[in-house]
Amino acid sequence: MNKPFRFAVVLSGCGRADGSEIYETVSALYAVAKSKNEYQCFAPDILQTKTIDLYHREETAEKRNVLVEAARLARGNILDLKQFKPQDYDAIIFPGGMGAVTNWCNYASKGLACEINPEIKRAIKDSYDNRLVICAMCIAPTLLALVLGDKHIRFTLGADSVNTKELETLGAIHKETSATGVCVDEKNRICTTPAYMLATNITEIFDGAEKMVASALNLLENS
């Protein structure tokens, strides 16, 4: 029996407006497990930039920790991102949600002038340098363009937009896809899918996640 591939899954909290999008995270974990492979969740041990009351759709004064909140999604089975060692994994997944551009970095407020959390940047760079397959969903591919744009990576956020044009100035190349489509960059070993950048229901999220993981496995099996 072939040894299962190991996926690291990096989270930015819990909840679409201020952390990791829940359906995207669950669909990614499900796709890995369904394919008989393994995953380990990680998150940086930092405070959220903001906390959103999703019922009233407004910001609150509450302070929350990204790692503690992400533990909700991981059912407590999660590690501080400082413990991530690329040599222990074959692939890495970054689900979307606004936490990607508010907690991992401040792209949402500062655009290309943003600062990126050092552990997130290290995880992306070390994964790339160690030839892990890198997967990202929804808005999370923005981080790949910010960190790896000079490698001329191909990525998707779904449809072309002002943001994609801006990210292309870094050297990254945006490809339009459907809601459940996957942009596969074979050279750089990157698989991205739009998820809720385009999706309108949960079935599209799961379809896109399964296609993304299947594309990652294809790269791993043929490398």
C-alpha atoms as a PDB file:
ATOM      1  CA  MET A   1       0.000   0.000   0.000  1.00  0.00           C
ATOM      2  CA  ASN A   2       1.340   3.433  -0.920  1.00  0.00           C
ATOM      3  CA  LYS A   3       2.173   5.767   1.940  1.00  0.00           C
ATOM      4  CA  PRO A   4      -0.421   8.574   2.242  1.00  0.00           C
ATOM      5  CA  PHE A   5       0.580  12.096   1.318  1.00  0.00           C
ATOM      6  CA  ARG A   6       0.762  14.622   4.151  1.00  0.00           C
ATOM      7  CA  PHE A   7      -0.998  17.983   3.823  1.00  0.00           C
ATOM      8  CA  ALA A   8      -0.416  20.969   6.096  1.00  0.00           C
ATOM      9  CA  VAL A   9      -3.510  23.205   6.320  1.00  0.00           C
ATOM     10  CA  VAL A  10      -2.948  26.779   7.479  1.00  0.00           C
ATOM     11  CA  LEU A  11      -5.838  28.668   9.074  1.00  0.00           C
ATOM     12  CA  SER A  12      -6.431  32.352   9.832  1.00  0.00           C
ATOM     13  CA  GLY A  13      -9.104  32.049  12.526  1.00  0.00           C
ATOM     14  CA  CYS A  14     -12.708  30.846  12.345  1.00  0.00           C
ATOM     15  CA  GLY A  15     -15.336  32.631  10.265  1.00  0.00           C
ATOM     16  CA  ARG A  16     -15.484  34.158   6.804  1.00  0.00           C
ATOM     17  CA  ALA A  17     -15.417  37.824   7.874  1.00  0.00           C
ATOM     18  CA  ASP A  18     -12.477  37.703  10.292  1.00  0.00           C
ATOM     19  CA  GLY A  19     -10.803  34.298   9.903  1.00  0.00           C
ATOM     20  CA  SER A  20     -10.845  31.179   7.744  1.00  0.00           C
ATOM     21  CA  GLU A  21     -14.045  30.532   5.774  1.00  0.00           C
ATOM     22  CA  ILE A  22     -15.629  27.529   7.465  1.00  0.00           C
ATOM     23  CA  TYR A  23     -17.060  25.734   4.421  1.00  0.00           C
ATOM     24  CA  GLU A  24     -13.820  26.188   2.496  1.00  0.00           C
ATOM     25  CA  THR A  25     -11.762  24.802   5.368  1.00  0.00           C
ATOM     26  CA  VAL A  26     -14.054  21.836   5.977  1.00  0.00           C
ATOM     27  CA  SER A  27     -14.244  21.027   2.256  1.00  0.00           C
ATOM     28  CA  ALA A  28     -10.441  21.039   1.978  1.00  0.00           C
ATOM     29  CA  LEU A  29     -10.043  18.763   5.013  1.00  0.00           C
ATOM     30  CA  TYR A  30     -12.786  16.489   3.686  1.00  0.00           C
ATOM     31  CA  ALA A  31     -11.169  16.266   0.249  1.00  0.00           C
ATOM     32  CA  VAL A  32      -7.824  15.271   1.754  1.00  0.00           C
ATOM     33  CA  ALA A  33      -9.381  12.664   4.064  1.00  0.00           C
ATOM     34  CA  LYS A  34     -11.673  11.301   1.343  1.00  0.00           C
ATOM     35  CA  SER A  35      -8.655  10.705  -0.886  1.00  0.00           C
ATOM     36  CA  LYS A  36      -7.117   8.566   1.903  1.00  0.00           C
ATOM     37  CA  ASN A  37      -4.417  11.085   2.705  1.00  0.00           C
ATOM     38  CA  GLU A  38      -3.563  12.941   5.922  1.00  0.00           C
ATOM     39  CA  TYR A  39      -3.627  16.523   7.165  1.00  0.00           C
ATOM     40  CA  GLN A  40      -2.368  18.613  10.052  1.00  0.00           C
ATOM     41  CA  CYS A  41      -3.783  22.057  10.796  1.00  0.00           C
ATOM     42  CA  PHE A  42      -1.649  25.059  11.734  1.00  0.00           C
ATOM     43  CA  ALA A  43      -2.275  28.718  12.564  1.00  0.00           C
ATOM     44  CA  PRO A  44      -0.104  31.626  13.696  1.00  0.00           C
ATOM     45  CA  ASP A  45      -0.341  32.472  17.405  1.00  0.00           C
ATOM     46  CA  ILE A  46      -1.369  36.123  16.951  1.00  0.00           C
ATOM     47  CA  LEU A  47      -4.306  38.376  17.718  1.00  0.00           C
ATOM     48  CA  GLN A  48      -6.945  38.910  15.052  1.00  0.00           C
ATOM     49  CA  THR A  49      -6.871  42.339  13.460  1.00  0.00           C
ATOM     50  CA  LYS A  50     -10.599  42.690  14.100  1.00  0.00           C
ATOM     51  CA  THR A  51     -13.541  40.634  15.314  1.00  0.00           C
ATOM     52  CA  ILE A  52     -16.803  40.629  13.379  1.00  0.00           C
ATOM     53  CA  ASP A  53     -20.266  39.878  14.748  1.00  0.00           C
ATOM     54  CA  LEU A  54     -21.595  37.966  11.749  1.00  0.00           C
ATOM     55  CA  TYR A  55     -25.199  38.082  12.967  1.00  0.00           C
ATOM     56  CA  HIS A  56     -25.322  41.876  13.165  1.00  0.00           C
ATOM     57  CA  ARG A  57     -22.619  42.283  10.499  1.00  0.00           C
ATOM     58  CA  GLU A  58     -20.594  44.725  12.531  1.00  0.00           C
ATOM     59  CA  GLU A  59     -17.182  44.961  14.164  1.00  0.00           C
ATOM     60  CA  THR A  60     -16.967  44.396  17.917  1.00  0.00           C
ATOM     61  CA  ALA A  61     -14.412  45.390  20.556  1.00  0.00           C
ATOM     62  CA  GLU A  62     -13.745  41.741  21.407  1.00  0.00           C
ATOM     63  CA  LYS A  63     -10.152  40.490  21.096  1.00  0.00           C
ATOM     64  CA  ARG A  64      -9.573  37.004  19.736  1.00  0.00           C
ATOM     65  CA  ASN A  65      -6.491  34.900  19.064  1.00  0.00           C
ATOM     66  CA  VAL A  66      -6.085  33.386  15.579  1.00  0.00           C
ATOM     67  CA  LEU A  67      -4.669  30.073  16.829  1.00  0.00           C
ATOM     68  CA  VAL A  68      -7.335  29.687  19.529  1.00  0.00           C
ATOM     69  CA  GLU A  69     -10.152  30.477  17.083  1.00  0.00           C
ATOM     70  CA  ALA A  70      -8.731  28.204  14.376  1.00  0.00           C
ATOM     71  CA  ALA A  71      -8.670  25.381  16.923  1.00  0.00           C
ATOM     72  CA  ARG A  72     -12.477  25.408  16.710  1.00  0.00           C
ATOM     73  CA  LEU A  73     -12.270  24.365  13.062  1.00  0.00           C
ATOM     74  CA  ALA A  74      -9.542  21.807  13.722  1.00  0.00           C
ATOM     75  CA  ARG A  75     -11.418  20.258  16.686  1.00  0.00           C
ATOM     76  CA  GLY A  76      -8.391  21.150  18.817  1.00  0.00           C
ATOM     77  CA  ASN A  77      -5.937  19.215  16.653  1.00  0.00           C
ATOM     78  CA  ILE A  78      -3.822  22.183  15.615  1.00  0.00           C
ATOM     79  CA  LEU A  79      -0.243  23.397  15.969  1.00  0.00           C
ATOM     80  CA  ASP A  80       1.363  26.812  16.179  1.00  0.00           C
ATOM     81  CA  LEU A  81       2.610  27.696  12.681  1.00  0.00           C
ATOM     82  CA  LYS A  82       6.100  28.108  14.175  1.00  0.00           C
ATOM     83  CA  GLN A  83       6.159  24.303  14.383  1.00  0.00           C
ATOM     84  CA  PHE A  84       5.635  23.830  10.646  1.00  0.00           C
ATOM     85  CA  LYS A  85       8.536  21.971   9.009  1.00  0.00           C
ATOM     86  CA  PRO A  86       8.172  21.620   5.237  1.00  0.00           C
ATOM     87  CA  GLN A  87      10.237  18.434   5.159  1.00  0.00           C
ATOM     88  CA  ASP A  88       7.444  16.687   7.081  1.00  0.00           C
ATOM     89  CA  TYR A  89       4.816  17.413   4.406  1.00  0.00           C
ATOM     90  CA  ASP A  90       4.094  16.898   0.719  1.00  0.00           C
ATOM     91  CA  ALA A  91       1.599  19.726   0.234  1.00  0.00           C
ATOM     92  CA  ILE A  92       0.141  22.752   1.992  1.00  0.00           C
ATOM     93  CA  ILE A  93      -3.332  24.308   1.761  1.00  0.00           C
ATOM     94  CA  PHE A  94      -4.389  27.884   2.539  1.00  0.00           C
ATOM     95  CA  PRO A  95      -8.219  28.151   2.756  1.00  0.00           C
ATOM     96  CA  GLY A  96      -9.792  31.557   2.160  1.00  0.00           C
ATOM     97  CA  GLY A  97     -11.789  33.909   4.332  1.00  0.00           C
ATOM     98  CA  MET A  98     -11.035  37.537   5.148  1.00  0.00           C
ATOM     99  CA  GLY A  99      -8.521  36.474   7.784  1.00  0.00           C
ATOM    100  CA  ALA A 100      -6.149  35.765   4.903  1.00  0.00           C
ATOM    101  CA  VAL A 101      -5.905  39.464   4.065  1.00  0.00           C
ATOM    102  CA  THR A 102      -6.465  40.898   7.556  1.00  0.00           C
ATOM    103  CA  ASN A 103      -4.721  38.464   9.936  1.00  0.00           C
ATOM    104  CA  TRP A 104      -2.037  36.853   7.779  1.00  0.00           C
ATOM    105  CA  CYS A 105      -1.306  40.247   6.251  1.00  0.00           C
ATOM    106  CA  ASN A 106      -2.964  43.676   5.972  1.00  0.00           C
ATOM    107  CA  TYR A 107      -3.506  43.630   2.216  1.00  0.00           C
ATOM    108  CA  ALA A 108      -7.199  44.454   2.770  1.00  0.00           C
ATOM    109  CA  SER A 109      -6.253  47.877   4.117  1.00  0.00           C
ATOM    110  CA  LYS A 110      -2.846  48.573   2.560  1.00  0.00           C
ATOM    111  CA  GLY A 111      -2.783  46.788  -0.786  1.00  0.00           C
ATOM    112  CA  LEU A 112       0.663  46.110  -2.203  1.00  0.00           C
ATOM    113  CA  ALA A 113       2.238  48.128   0.625  1.00  0.00           C
ATOM    114  CA  CYS A 114       1.031  45.523   3.119  1.00  0.00           C
ATOM    115  CA  GLU A 115       3.053  43.757   5.777  1.00  0.00           C
ATOM    116  CA  ILE A 116       2.901  39.955   5.855  1.00  0.00           C
ATOM    117  CA  ASN A 117       3.120  37.914   9.037  1.00  0.00           C
ATOM    118  CA  PRO A 118       6.676  36.463   9.159  1.00  0.00           C
ATOM    119  CA  GLU A 119       5.496  32.912   9.878  1.00  0.00           C
ATOM    120  CA  ILE A 120       3.054  32.973   6.968  1.00  0.00           C
ATOM    121  CA  LYS A 121       5.768  34.269   4.654  1.00  0.00           C
ATOM    122  CA  ARG A 122       8.167  31.593   5.908  1.00  0.00           C
ATOM    123  CA  ALA A 123       5.578  28.834   5.408  1.00  0.00           C
ATOM    124  CA  ILE A 124       4.973  29.915   1.809  1.00  0.00           C
ATOM    125  CA  LYS A 125       8.639  30.406   0.939  1.00  0.00           C
ATOM    126  CA  ASP A 126       9.817  27.210   2.646  1.00  0.00           C
ATOM    127  CA  SER A 127       7.044  25.211   0.981  1.00  0.00           C
ATOM    128  CA  TYR A 128       8.009  26.599  -2.414  1.00  0.00           C
ATOM    129  CA  ASP A 129      11.741  26.006  -1.869  1.00  0.00           C
ATOM    130  CA  ASN A 130      11.100  22.438  -0.719  1.00  0.00           C
ATOM    131  CA  ARG A 131       8.848  21.706  -3.725  1.00  0.00           C
ATOM    132  CA  LEU A 132       5.655  21.105  -1.758  1.00  0.00           C
ATOM    133  CA  VAL A 133       2.485  21.467  -3.783  1.00  0.00           C
ATOM    134  CA  ILE A 134       0.901  24.730  -2.629  1.00  0.00           C
ATOM    135  CA  CYS A 135      -2.897  25.046  -2.707  1.00  0.00           C
ATOM    136  CA  ALA A 136      -4.988  28.123  -1.948  1.00  0.00           C
ATOM    137  CA  MET A 137      -8.686  28.968  -2.067  1.00  0.00           C
ATOM    138  CA  CYS A 138     -10.811  32.091  -2.504  1.00  0.00           C
ATOM    139  CA  ILE A 139      -8.844  35.241  -1.504  1.00  0.00           C
ATOM    140  CA  ALA A 140      -5.873  33.258  -0.105  1.00  0.00           C
ATOM    141  CA  PRO A 141      -4.034  33.052  -3.473  1.00  0.00           C
ATOM    142  CA  THR A 142      -3.390  36.769  -2.928  1.00  0.00           C
ATOM    143  CA  LEU A 143      -0.711  35.757  -0.402  1.00  0.00           C
ATOM    144  CA  LEU A 144       0.951  33.512  -2.969  1.00  0.00           C
ATOM    145  CA  ALA A 145       1.108  36.372  -5.460  1.00  0.00           C
ATOM    146  CA  LEU A 146       2.488  38.719  -2.794  1.00  0.00           C
ATOM    147  CA  VAL A 147       5.228  36.306  -1.695  1.00  0.00           C
ATOM    148  CA  LEU A 148       5.983  34.438  -4.940  1.00  0.00           C
ATOM    149  CA  GLY A 149       5.075  36.966  -7.611  1.00  0.00           C
ATOM    150  CA  ASP A 150       8.700  37.217  -8.715  1.00  0.00           C
ATOM    151  CA  LYS A 151       8.545  33.491  -9.600  1.00  0.00           C
ATOM    152  CA  HIS A 152       5.874  34.359 -12.203  1.00  0.00           C
ATOM    153  CA  ILE A 153       3.393  31.980 -10.626  1.00  0.00           C
ATOM    154  CA  ARG A 154      -0.016  31.405 -12.200  1.00  0.00           C
ATOM    155  CA  PHE A 155      -3.004  31.752  -9.862  1.00  0.00           C
ATOM    156  CA  THR A 156      -6.723  32.465  -9.840  1.00  0.00           C
ATOM    157  CA  LEU A 157      -9.109  34.588  -7.815  1.00  0.00           C
ATOM    158  CA  GLY A 158     -11.866  33.677 -10.276  1.00  0.00           C
ATOM    159  CA  ALA A 159     -12.580  36.721 -12.433  1.00  0.00           C
ATOM    160  CA  ASP A 160     -10.183  39.460 -13.450  1.00  0.00           C
ATOM    161  CA  SER A 161     -10.461  42.540 -11.238  1.00  0.00           C
ATOM    162  CA  VAL A 162      -8.602  45.622 -10.064  1.00  0.00           C
ATOM    163  CA  ASN A 163      -6.931  43.437  -7.421  1.00  0.00           C
ATOM    164  CA  THR A 164      -5.749  40.826  -9.907  1.00  0.00           C
ATOM    165  CA  LYS A 165      -4.311  43.535 -12.158  1.00  0.00           C
ATOM    166  CA  GLU A 166      -2.514  44.991  -9.146  1.00  0.00           C
ATOM    167  CA  LEU A 167      -1.066  41.616  -8.159  1.00  0.00           C
ATOM    168  CA  GLU A 168       0.124  41.022 -11.715  1.00  0.00           C
ATOM    169  CA  THR A 169       2.454  44.008 -11.352  1.00  0.00           C
ATOM    170  CA  LEU A 170       4.466  41.781  -8.983  1.00  0.00           C
ATOM    171  CA  GLY A 171       5.051  39.266 -11.774  1.00  0.00           C
ATOM    172  CA  ALA A 172       2.274  36.806 -10.960  1.00  0.00           C
ATOM    173  CA  ILE A 173      -0.095  35.794 -13.769  1.00  0.00           C
ATOM    174  CA  HIS A 174      -3.844  35.669 -13.145  1.00  0.00           C
ATOM    175  CA  LYS A 175      -6.033  33.128 -14.924  1.00  0.00           C
ATOM    176  CA  GLU A 176      -9.827  33.410 -15.019  1.00  0.00           C
ATOM    177  CA  THR A 177     -11.703  30.268 -13.987  1.00  0.00           C
ATOM    178  CA  SER A 178     -15.210  29.134 -13.142  1.00  0.00           C
ATOM    179  CA  ALA A 179     -16.444  28.860  -9.552  1.00  0.00           C
ATOM    180  CA  THR A 180     -15.360  25.213  -9.347  1.00  0.00           C
ATOM    181  CA  GLY A 181     -12.373  25.521 -11.670  1.00  0.00           C
ATOM    182  CA  VAL A 182      -8.753  25.056 -10.673  1.00  0.00           C
ATOM    183  CA  CYS A 183      -5.746  26.948 -11.976  1.00  0.00           C
ATOM    184  CA  VAL A 184      -2.847  24.482 -12.026  1.00  0.00           C
ATOM    185  CA  ASP A 185       0.664  25.884 -12.302  1.00  0.00           C
ATOM    186  CA  GLU A 186       2.644  22.712 -12.994  1.00  0.00           C
ATOM    187  CA  LYS A 187       6.029  24.435 -13.100  1.00  0.00           C
ATOM    188  CA  ASN A 188       5.654  26.087  -9.700  1.00  0.00           C
ATOM    189  CA  ARG A 189       3.479  23.289  -8.236  1.00  0.00           C
ATOM    190  CA  ILE A 190       0.585  25.571  -7.281  1.00  0.00           C
ATOM    191  CA  CYS A 191      -3.167  24.799  -7.400  1.00  0.00           C
ATOM    192  CA  THR A 192      -5.733  27.535  -6.724  1.00  0.00           C
ATOM    193  CA  THR A 193      -9.540  27.651  -6.869  1.00  0.00           C
ATOM    194  CA  PRO A 194     -11.945  30.637  -6.555  1.00  0.00           C
ATOM    195  CA  ALA A 195     -14.347  29.140  -3.978  1.00  0.00           C
ATOM    196  CA  TYR A 196     -16.487  31.995  -2.586  1.00  0.00           C
ATOM    197  CA  MET A 197     -14.898  34.578  -4.851  1.00  0.00           C
ATOM    198  CA  LEU A 198     -17.422  33.169  -7.372  1.00  0.00           C
ATOM    199  CA  ALA A 199     -19.340  30.324  -5.742  1.00  0.00           C
ATOM    200  CA  THR A 200     -22.968  30.827  -4.759  1.00  0.00           C
ATOM    201  CA  ASN A 201     -23.584  27.642  -2.759  1.00  0.00           C
ATOM    202  CA  ILE A 202     -21.822  25.064  -0.609  1.00  0.00           C
ATOM    203  CA  THR A 203     -21.859  22.342  -3.283  1.00  0.00           C
ATOM    204  CA  GLU A 204     -19.615  24.473  -5.494  1.00  0.00           C
ATOM    205  CA  ILE A 205     -17.212  24.914  -2.579  1.00  0.00           C
ATOM    206  CA  PHE A 206     -16.893  21.165  -2.081  1.00  0.00           C
ATOM    207  CA  ASP A 207     -16.602  20.506  -5.832  1.00  0.00           C
ATOM    208  CA  GLY A 208     -13.819  23.069  -6.155  1.00  0.00           C
ATOM    209  CA  ALA A 209     -11.973  21.759  -3.102  1.00  0.00           C
ATOM    210  CA  GLU A 210     -12.069  18.172  -4.374  1.00  0.00           C
ATOM    211  CA  LYS A 211     -10.800  19.259  -7.782  1.00  0.00           C
ATOM    212  CA  MET A 212      -8.028  21.306  -6.153  1.00  0.00           C
ATOM    213  CA  VAL A 213      -6.883  18.397  -3.976  1.00  0.00           C
ATOM    214  CA  ALA A 214      -7.135  15.979  -6.919  1.00  0.00           C
ATOM    215  CA  SER A 215      -4.943  18.346  -8.967  1.00  0.00           C
ATOM    216  CA  ALA A 216      -2.430  18.511  -6.119  1.00  0.00           C
ATOM    217  CA  LEU A 217      -2.347  14.717  -5.862  1.00  0.00           C
ATOM    218  CA  ASN A 218      -1.804  14.460  -9.615  1.00  0.00           C
ATOM    219  CA  LEU A 219       1.257  16.702  -9.296  1.00  0.00           C
ATOM    220  CA  LEU A 220       2.563  14.679  -6.351  1.00  0.00           C
ATOM    221  CA  GLU A 221       2.024  11.330  -8.030  1.00  0.00           C
ATOM    222  CA  ASN A 222       3.728  12.428 -11.233  1.00  0.00           C
ATOM    223  CA  SER A 223       6.731  14.220  -9.761  1.00  0.00           C
END
